[in-house]
């Protein structure tokens, strides 16, 4: 469990990840404090360089996030709040 008790939090941040990487993300609970106008982010992939494959079979619960999930230039899927993404 990742808990944000202030604002402008990020649950999981991959600031830079390169291809041929495989990433498995399963069964995380990320409650974020969203009581103000600041951006709270769940699972974020900022810079992806070719062929990053996502894997996941279990749900990841992210609450209070302005952006629950962002993964540019990835393949595969994970579950976030009961939905397969991206």
PDB file of N, CA and C in Angstrom:
ATOM      1  N   UNK A   1       0.844  -1.173   0.000  1.00  0.00           N
ATOM      2  CA  UNK A   1       0.000   0.000   0.000  1.00  0.00           C
ATOM      3  C   UNK A   1       0.888   1.235   0.000  1.00  0.00           C
ATOM      4  N   UNK A   2       0.550   2.160  -0.859  1.00  0.00           N
ATOM      5  CA  UNK A   2       1.222   3.455  -0.935  1.00  0.00           C
ATOM      6  C   UNK A   2       0.208   4.499  -0.502  1.00  0.00           C
ATOM      7  N   UNK A   3       0.518   5.298   0.515  1.00  0.00           N
ATOM      8  CA  UNK A   3      -0.431   6.274   1.049  1.00  0.00           C
ATOM      9  C   UNK A   3       0.125   7.680   0.889  1.00  0.00           C
ATOM     10  N   UNK A   4      -0.705   8.585   0.377  1.00  0.00           N
ATOM     11  CA  UNK A   4      -0.352   9.996   0.211  1.00  0.00           C
ATOM     12  C   UNK A   4      -1.130  10.797   1.243  1.00  0.00           C
ATOM     13  N   UNK A   5      -0.434  11.384   2.220  1.00  0.00           N
ATOM     14  CA  UNK A   5      -1.089  12.180   3.252  1.00  0.00           C
ATOM     15  C   UNK A   5      -0.964  13.675   3.027  1.00  0.00           C
ATOM     16  N   UNK A   6      -0.361  14.070   1.929  1.00  0.00           N
ATOM     17  CA  UNK A   6      -0.270  15.475   1.541  1.00  0.00           C
ATOM     18  C   UNK A   6      -0.815  15.577   0.123  1.00  0.00           C
ATOM     19  N   UNK A   7      -0.669  16.706  -0.520  1.00  0.00           N
ATOM     20  CA  UNK A   7      -1.180  16.824  -1.885  1.00  0.00           C
ATOM     21  C   UNK A   7      -0.046  16.720  -2.890  1.00  0.00           C
ATOM     22  N   UNK A   8      -0.403  16.620  -4.161  1.00  0.00           N
ATOM     23  CA  UNK A   8       0.547  16.513  -5.276  1.00  0.00           C
ATOM     24  C   UNK A   8       1.378  15.240  -5.204  1.00  0.00           C
ATOM     25  N   UNK A   9       0.751  14.138  -4.832  1.00  0.00           N
ATOM     26  CA  UNK A   9       1.470  12.875  -4.706  1.00  0.00           C
ATOM     27  C   UNK A   9       1.444  12.058  -5.986  1.00  0.00           C
ATOM     28  N   UNK A  10       2.397  11.129  -6.080  1.00  0.00           N
ATOM     29  CA  UNK A  10       2.453  10.160  -7.172  1.00  0.00           C
ATOM     30  C   UNK A  10       2.684   8.791  -6.551  1.00  0.00           C
ATOM     31  N   UNK A  11       1.835   7.819  -6.927  1.00  0.00           N
ATOM     32  CA  UNK A  11       1.953   6.472  -6.369  1.00  0.00           C
ATOM     33  C   UNK A  11       3.195   5.744  -6.843  1.00  0.00           C
ATOM     34  N   UNK A  12       3.286   5.456  -8.140  1.00  0.00           N
ATOM     35  CA  UNK A  12       4.443   4.807  -8.754  1.00  0.00           C
ATOM     36  C   UNK A  12       4.889   5.646  -9.936  1.00  0.00           C
ATOM     37  N   UNK A  13       6.154   6.043  -9.951  1.00  0.00           N
ATOM     38  CA  UNK A  13       6.685   6.855 -11.043  1.00  0.00           C
ATOM     39  C   UNK A  13       7.858   6.135 -11.698  1.00  0.00           C
ATOM     40  N   UNK A  14       7.709   5.860 -12.987  1.00  0.00           N
ATOM     41  CA  UNK A  14       8.815   5.374 -13.804  1.00  0.00           C
ATOM     42  C   UNK A  14       9.265   6.584 -14.612  1.00  0.00           C
ATOM     43  N   UNK A  15      10.271   7.306 -14.120  1.00  0.00           N
ATOM     44  CA  UNK A  15      10.682   8.551 -14.775  1.00  0.00           C
ATOM     45  C   UNK A  15      11.338   8.281 -16.120  1.00  0.00           C
ATOM     46  N   UNK A  16      12.020   7.149 -16.254  1.00  0.00           N
ATOM     47  CA  UNK A  16      12.628   6.764 -17.524  1.00  0.00           C
ATOM     48  C   UNK A  16      12.758   5.250 -17.551  1.00  0.00           C
ATOM     49  N   UNK A  17      12.281   4.633 -18.622  1.00  0.00           N
ATOM     50  CA  UNK A  17      12.387   3.181 -18.765  1.00  0.00           C
ATOM     51  C   UNK A  17      12.660   2.876 -20.228  1.00  0.00           C
ATOM     52  N   UNK A  18      13.573   1.947 -20.453  1.00  0.00           N
ATOM     53  CA  UNK A  18      14.012   1.646 -21.810  1.00  0.00           C
ATOM     54  C   UNK A  18      13.542   0.275 -22.269  1.00  0.00           C
ATOM     55  N   UNK A  19      13.374   0.139 -23.599  1.00  0.00           N
ATOM     56  CA  UNK A  19      13.000  -1.136 -24.187  1.00  0.00           C
ATOM     57  C   UNK A  19      14.133  -2.107 -24.056  1.00  0.00           C
ATOM     58  N   UNK A  20      13.826  -3.110 -24.138  1.00  0.00           N
ATOM     59  CA  UNK A  20      13.089  -4.328 -24.015  1.00  0.00           C
ATOM     60  C   UNK A  20      12.799  -4.670 -22.556  1.00  0.00           C
ATOM     61  N   UNK A  21      12.121  -3.820 -21.884  1.00  0.00           N
ATOM     62  CA  UNK A  21      11.759  -4.039 -20.483  1.00  0.00           C
ATOM     63  C   UNK A  21      10.385  -4.680 -20.386  1.00  0.00           C
ATOM     64  N   UNK A  22      10.216  -5.540 -19.386  1.00  0.00           N
ATOM     65  CA  UNK A  22       8.924  -6.107 -19.023  1.00  0.00           C
ATOM     66  C   UNK A  22       8.598  -5.622 -17.619  1.00  0.00           C
ATOM     67  N   UNK A  23       7.398  -5.059 -17.442  1.00  0.00           N
ATOM     68  CA  UNK A  23       6.981  -4.528 -16.146  1.00  0.00           C
ATOM     69  C   UNK A  23       5.686  -5.217 -15.738  1.00  0.00           C
ATOM     70  N   UNK A  24       5.687  -5.848 -14.564  1.00  0.00           N
ATOM     71  CA  UNK A  24       4.487  -6.473 -14.020  1.00  0.00           C
ATOM     72  C   UNK A  24       4.033  -5.660 -12.815  1.00  0.00           C
ATOM     73  N   UNK A  25       2.769  -5.228 -12.855  1.00  0.00           N
ATOM     74  CA  UNK A  25       2.197  -4.439 -11.759  1.00  0.00           C
ATOM     75  C   UNK A  25       0.885  -5.109 -11.365  1.00  0.00           C
ATOM     76  N   UNK A  26       0.829  -5.639 -10.142  1.00  0.00           N
ATOM     77  CA  UNK A  26      -0.331  -6.374  -9.662  1.00  0.00           C
ATOM     78  C   UNK A  26      -0.674  -5.997  -8.229  1.00  0.00           C
ATOM     79  N   UNK A  27      -1.978  -5.896  -7.963  1.00  0.00           N
ATOM     80  CA  UNK A  27      -2.541  -5.870  -6.618  1.00  0.00           C
ATOM     81  C   UNK A  27      -1.937  -4.794  -5.718  1.00  0.00           C
ATOM     82  N   UNK A  28      -1.965  -3.550  -6.201  1.00  0.00           N
ATOM     83  CA  UNK A  28      -1.509  -2.405  -5.413  1.00  0.00           C
ATOM     84  C   UNK A  28      -2.703  -1.585  -4.955  1.00  0.00           C
ATOM     85  N   UNK A  29      -2.587  -0.998  -3.787  1.00  0.00           N
ATOM     86  CA  UNK A  29      -3.583  -0.062  -3.278  1.00  0.00           C
ATOM     87  C   UNK A  29      -2.889   1.281  -3.108  1.00  0.00           C
ATOM     88  N   UNK A  30      -3.379   2.292  -3.847  1.00  0.00           N
ATOM     89  CA  UNK A  30      -2.755   3.612  -3.818  1.00  0.00           C
ATOM     90  C   UNK A  30      -3.829   4.665  -3.530  1.00  0.00           C
ATOM     91  N   UNK A  31      -4.119   4.934  -2.244  1.00  0.00           N
ATOM     92  CA  UNK A  31      -5.051   6.010  -1.908  1.00  0.00           C
ATOM     93  C   UNK A  31      -4.314   7.347  -1.867  1.00  0.00           C
ATOM     94  N   UNK A  32      -4.763   8.281  -2.681  1.00  0.00           N
ATOM     95  CA  UNK A  32      -4.127   9.599  -2.759  1.00  0.00           C
ATOM     96  C   UNK A  32      -5.055  10.658  -2.189  1.00  0.00           C
ATOM     97  N   UNK A  33      -4.483  11.632  -1.493  1.00  0.00           N
ATOM     98  CA  UNK A  33      -5.250  12.733  -0.921  1.00  0.00           C
ATOM     99  C   UNK A  33      -5.555  13.729  -2.028  1.00  0.00           C
ATOM    100  N   UNK A  34      -6.818  13.954  -2.283  1.00  0.00           N
ATOM    101  CA  UNK A  34      -7.188  14.865  -3.376  1.00  0.00           C
ATOM    102  C   UNK A  34      -8.121  15.962  -2.881  1.00  0.00           C
ATOM    103  N   UNK A  35      -7.809  16.517  -1.735  1.00  0.00           N
ATOM    104  CA  UNK A  35      -8.711  17.488  -1.116  1.00  0.00           C
ATOM    105  C   UNK A  35      -8.475  18.918  -1.574  1.00  0.00           C
ATOM    106  N   UNK A  36      -7.534  19.117  -2.497  1.00  0.00           N
ATOM    107  CA  UNK A  36      -7.266  20.470  -2.972  1.00  0.00           C
ATOM    108  C   UNK A  36      -7.196  20.464  -4.498  1.00  0.00           C
ATOM    109  N   UNK A  37      -6.768  21.527  -5.105  1.00  0.00           N
ATOM    110  CA  UNK A  37      -6.722  21.639  -6.554  1.00  0.00           C
ATOM    111  C   UNK A  37      -5.453  21.120  -7.195  1.00  0.00           C
ATOM    112  N   UNK A  38      -4.571  20.497  -6.416  1.00  0.00           N
ATOM    113  CA  UNK A  38      -3.311  20.010  -6.958  1.00  0.00           C
ATOM    114  C   UNK A  38      -3.488  18.658  -7.643  1.00  0.00           C
ATOM    115  N   UNK A  39      -2.566  18.319  -8.517  1.00  0.00           N
ATOM    116  CA  UNK A  39      -2.623  17.075  -9.284  1.00  0.00           C
ATOM    117  C   UNK A  39      -2.023  15.930  -8.471  1.00  0.00           C
ATOM    118  N   UNK A  40      -2.784  14.858  -8.333  1.00  0.00           N
ATOM    119  CA  UNK A  40      -2.308  13.622  -7.725  1.00  0.00           C
ATOM    120  C   UNK A  40      -2.303  12.556  -8.813  1.00  0.00           C
ATOM    121  N   UNK A  41      -1.212  11.778  -8.895  1.00  0.00           N
ATOM    122  CA  UNK A  41      -1.058  10.817  -9.984  1.00  0.00           C
ATOM    123  C   UNK A  41      -0.863   9.410  -9.431  1.00  0.00           C
ATOM    124  N   UNK A  42      -1.451   8.444 -10.099  1.00  0.00           N
ATOM    125  CA  UNK A  42      -1.366   7.052  -9.659  1.00  0.00           C
ATOM    126  C   UNK A  42      -0.115   6.350 -10.149  1.00  0.00           C
ATOM    127  N   UNK A  43      -0.191   5.674 -11.308  1.00  0.00           N
ATOM    128  CA  UNK A  43       0.941   4.966 -11.907  1.00  0.00           C
ATOM    129  C   UNK A  43       1.317   5.712 -13.176  1.00  0.00           C
ATOM    130  N   UNK A  44       2.541   6.222 -13.225  1.00  0.00           N
ATOM    131  CA  UNK A  44       2.962   7.107 -14.313  1.00  0.00           C
ATOM    132  C   UNK A  44       4.254   6.597 -14.950  1.00  0.00           C
ATOM    133  N   UNK A  45       4.242   6.510 -16.279  1.00  0.00           N
ATOM    134  CA  UNK A  45       5.439   6.240 -17.073  1.00  0.00           C
ATOM    135  C   UNK A  45       5.748   7.532 -17.814  1.00  0.00           C
ATOM    136  N   UNK A  46       6.807   8.239 -17.421  1.00  0.00           N
ATOM    137  CA  UNK A  46       7.109   9.549 -18.012  1.00  0.00           C
ATOM    138  C   UNK A  46       7.822   9.445 -19.345  1.00  0.00           C
ATOM    139  N   UNK A  47       8.968   8.786 -19.380  1.00  0.00           N
ATOM    140  CA  UNK A  47       9.739   8.650 -20.612  1.00  0.00           C
ATOM    141  C   UNK A  47       9.931   7.173 -20.912  1.00  0.00           C
ATOM    142  N   UNK A  48       9.344   6.729 -22.020  1.00  0.00           N
ATOM    143  CA  UNK A  48       9.429   5.330 -22.434  1.00  0.00           C
ATOM    144  C   UNK A  48      10.166   5.277 -23.761  1.00  0.00           C
ATOM    145  N   UNK A  49      11.212   4.451 -23.822  1.00  0.00           N
ATOM    146  CA  UNK A  49      11.976   4.291 -25.050  1.00  0.00           C
ATOM    147  C   UNK A  49      11.803   2.868 -25.562  1.00  0.00           C
ATOM    148  N   UNK A  50      11.027   2.707 -26.575  1.00  0.00           N
ATOM    149  CA  UNK A  50      10.791   1.481 -27.357  1.00  0.00           C
ATOM    150  C   UNK A  50      10.595   0.182 -26.583  1.00  0.00           C
ATOM    151  N   UNK A  51       9.537  -0.512 -26.962  1.00  0.00           N
ATOM    152  CA  UNK A  51       9.275  -1.902 -26.569  1.00  0.00           C
ATOM    153  C   UNK A  51       9.213  -2.175 -25.073  1.00  0.00           C
ATOM    154  N   UNK A  52       8.484  -1.380 -24.333  1.00  0.00           N
ATOM    155  CA  UNK A  52       8.241  -1.672 -22.921  1.00  0.00           C
ATOM    156  C   UNK A  52       6.895  -2.383 -22.834  1.00  0.00           C
ATOM    157  N   UNK A  53       6.910  -3.586 -22.292  1.00  0.00           N
ATOM    158  CA  UNK A  53       5.728  -4.444 -22.228  1.00  0.00           C
ATOM    159  C   UNK A  53       5.172  -4.456 -20.810  1.00  0.00           C
ATOM    160  N   UNK A  54       3.871  -4.150 -20.675  1.00  0.00           N
ATOM    161  CA  UNK A  54       3.192  -4.174 -19.373  1.00  0.00           C
ATOM    162  C   UNK A  54       2.477  -5.501 -19.193  1.00  0.00           C
ATOM    163  N   UNK A  55       2.522  -6.035 -17.956  1.00  0.00           N
ATOM    164  CA  UNK A  55       1.840  -7.278 -17.615  1.00  0.00           C
ATOM    165  C   UNK A  55       1.114  -7.079 -16.293  1.00  0.00           C
ATOM    166  N   UNK A  56      -0.059  -7.669 -16.184  1.00  0.00           N
ATOM    167  CA  UNK A  56      -0.784  -7.632 -14.927  1.00  0.00           C
ATOM    168  C   UNK A  56      -2.040  -8.464 -15.007  1.00  0.00           C
ATOM    169  N   UNK A  57      -2.307  -9.228 -13.961  1.00  0.00           N
ATOM    170  CA  UNK A  57      -3.506 -10.058 -13.905  1.00  0.00           C
ATOM    171  C   UNK A  57      -4.393  -9.705 -12.721  1.00  0.00           C
ATOM    172  N   UNK A  58      -3.887  -8.898 -11.799  1.00  0.00           N
ATOM    173  CA  UNK A  58      -4.636  -8.501 -10.606  1.00  0.00           C
ATOM    174  C   UNK A  58      -4.894  -6.999 -10.626  1.00  0.00           C
ATOM    175  N   UNK A  59      -6.012  -6.596 -10.037  1.00  0.00           N
ATOM    176  CA  UNK A  59      -6.430  -5.198 -10.041  1.00  0.00           C
ATOM    177  C   UNK A  59      -5.536  -4.329  -9.152  1.00  0.00           C
ATOM    178  N   UNK A  60      -5.286  -3.111  -9.601  1.00  0.00           N
ATOM    179  CA  UNK A  60      -4.589  -2.074  -8.838  1.00  0.00           C
ATOM    180  C   UNK A  60      -5.614  -0.983  -8.530  1.00  0.00           C
ATOM    181  N   UNK A  61      -5.867  -0.719  -7.265  1.00  0.00           N
ATOM    182  CA  UNK A  61      -6.875   0.259  -6.855  1.00  0.00           C
ATOM    183  C   UNK A  61      -6.186   1.598  -6.595  1.00  0.00           C
ATOM    184  N   UNK A  62      -6.602   2.615  -7.349  1.00  0.00           N
ATOM    185  CA  UNK A  62      -6.049   3.961  -7.191  1.00  0.00           C
ATOM    186  C   UNK A  62      -7.213   4.908  -6.946  1.00  0.00           C
ATOM    187  N   UNK A  63      -7.246   5.538  -5.766  1.00  0.00           N
ATOM    188  CA  UNK A  63      -8.324   6.462  -5.435  1.00  0.00           C
ATOM    189  C   UNK A  63      -7.761   7.862  -5.229  1.00  0.00           C
ATOM    190  N   UNK A  64      -8.561   8.865  -5.536  1.00  0.00           N
ATOM    191  CA  UNK A  64      -8.187  10.252  -5.308  1.00  0.00           C
ATOM    192  C   UNK A  64      -7.221  10.822  -6.321  1.00  0.00           C
ATOM    193  N   UNK A  65      -6.956  10.101  -7.401  1.00  0.00           N
ATOM    194  CA  UNK A  65      -5.979  10.573  -8.386  1.00  0.00           C
ATOM    195  C   UNK A  65      -6.648  11.393  -9.479  1.00  0.00           C
ATOM    196  N   UNK A  66      -6.027  12.502  -9.832  1.00  0.00           N
ATOM    197  CA  UNK A  66      -6.455  13.275 -10.990  1.00  0.00           C
ATOM    198  C   UNK A  66      -6.151  12.482 -12.252  1.00  0.00           C
ATOM    199  N   UNK A  67      -4.989  11.840 -12.277  1.00  0.00           N
ATOM    200  CA  UNK A  67      -4.563  10.974 -13.379  1.00  0.00           C
ATOM    201  C   UNK A  67      -4.215   9.613 -12.782  1.00  0.00           C
ATOM    202  N   UNK A  68      -5.139   8.623 -12.841  1.00  0.00           N
ATOM    203  CA  UNK A  68      -4.851   7.328 -12.237  1.00  0.00           C
ATOM    204  C   UNK A  68      -3.747   6.550 -12.954  1.00  0.00           C
ATOM    205  N   UNK A  69      -3.654   6.715 -14.294  1.00  0.00           N
ATOM    206  CA  UNK A  69      -2.690   5.925 -15.057  1.00  0.00           C
ATOM    207  C   UNK A  69      -2.289   6.670 -16.316  1.00  0.00           C
ATOM    208  N   UNK A  70      -1.002   6.647 -16.619  1.00  0.00           N
ATOM    209  CA  UNK A  70      -0.492   7.245 -17.848  1.00  0.00           C
ATOM    210  C   UNK A  70       0.715   6.449 -18.311  1.00  0.00           C
ATOM    211  N   UNK A  71       0.622   5.880 -19.513  1.00  0.00           N
ATOM    212  CA  UNK A  71       1.732   5.072 -20.036  1.00  0.00           C
ATOM    213  C   UNK A  71       1.841   5.264 -21.535  1.00  0.00           C
ATOM    214  N   UNK A  72       2.586   6.249 -21.936  1.00  0.00           N
ATOM    215  CA  UNK A  72       2.811   6.485 -23.362  1.00  0.00           C
ATOM    216  C   UNK A  72       3.786   5.445 -23.899  1.00  0.00           C
ATOM    217  N   UNK A  73       3.551   5.018 -25.122  1.00  0.00           N
ATOM    218  CA  UNK A  73       4.481   4.142 -25.845  1.00  0.00           C
ATOM    219  C   UNK A  73       4.770   2.816 -25.147  1.00  0.00           C
ATOM    220  N   UNK A  74       3.741   2.206 -24.556  1.00  0.00           N
ATOM    221  CA  UNK A  74       3.893   0.874 -23.988  1.00  0.00           C
ATOM    222  C   UNK A  74       2.978  -0.084 -24.735  1.00  0.00           C
ATOM    223  N   UNK A  75       3.258  -1.372 -24.603  1.00  0.00           N
ATOM    224  CA  UNK A  75       2.363  -2.400 -25.119  1.00  0.00           C
ATOM    225  C   UNK A  75       1.940  -3.262 -23.942  1.00  0.00           C
ATOM    226  N   UNK A  76       0.935  -4.081 -24.135  1.00  0.00           N
ATOM    227  CA  UNK A  76       0.406  -4.887 -23.048  1.00  0.00           C
ATOM    228  C   UNK A  76      -0.546  -4.067 -22.200  1.00  0.00           C
ATOM    229  N   UNK A  77      -1.060  -4.693 -21.141  1.00  0.00           N
ATOM    230  CA  UNK A  77      -2.047  -4.027 -20.293  1.00  0.00           C
ATOM    231  C   UNK A  77      -1.910  -4.470 -18.844  1.00  0.00           C
ATOM    232  N   UNK A  78      -2.395  -3.605 -17.938  1.00  0.00           N
ATOM    233  CA  UNK A  78      -2.565  -3.927 -16.527  1.00  0.00           C
ATOM    234  C   UNK A  78      -3.986  -3.520 -16.141  1.00  0.00           C
ATOM    235  N   UNK A  79      -4.434  -3.938 -14.971  1.00  0.00           N
ATOM    236  CA  UNK A  79      -5.739  -3.539 -14.453  1.00  0.00           C
ATOM    237  C   UNK A  79      -5.576  -2.352 -13.511  1.00  0.00           C
ATOM    238  N   UNK A  80      -6.350  -1.288 -13.748  1.00  0.00           N
ATOM    239  CA  UNK A  80      -6.415  -0.139 -12.846  1.00  0.00           C
ATOM    240  C   UNK A  80      -7.886   0.149 -12.590  1.00  0.00           C
ATOM    241  N   UNK A  81      -8.292   0.069 -11.343  1.00  0.00           N
ATOM    242  CA  UNK A  81      -9.680   0.298 -10.938  1.00  0.00           C
ATOM    243  C   UNK A  81     -10.655  -0.561 -11.738  1.00  0.00           C
ATOM    244  N   UNK A  82     -10.266  -1.826 -11.948  1.00  0.00           N
ATOM    245  CA  UNK A  82     -11.133  -2.790 -12.608  1.00  0.00           C
ATOM    246  C   UNK A  82     -11.158  -2.726 -14.122  1.00  0.00           C
ATOM    247  N   UNK A  83     -10.346  -1.874 -14.711  1.00  0.00           N
ATOM    248  CA  UNK A  83     -10.329  -1.698 -16.169  1.00  0.00           C
ATOM    249  C   UNK A  83      -8.926  -1.992 -16.692  1.00  0.00           C
ATOM    250  N   UNK A  84      -8.843  -2.718 -17.818  1.00  0.00           N
ATOM    251  CA  UNK A  84      -7.542  -2.961 -18.441  1.00  0.00           C
ATOM    252  C   UNK A  84      -7.079  -1.687 -19.134  1.00  0.00           C
ATOM    253  N   UNK A  85      -5.847  -1.260 -18.836  1.00  0.00           N
ATOM    254  CA  UNK A  85      -5.282  -0.046 -19.434  1.00  0.00           C
ATOM    255  C   UNK A  85      -3.893  -0.354 -19.962  1.00  0.00           C
ATOM    256  N   UNK A  86      -3.329   0.375 -20.871  1.00  0.00           N
ATOM    257  CA  UNK A  86      -3.923   1.474 -21.634  1.00  0.00           C
ATOM    258  C   UNK A  86      -4.808   0.974 -22.746  1.00  0.00           C
TER     259      UNK A  86
END
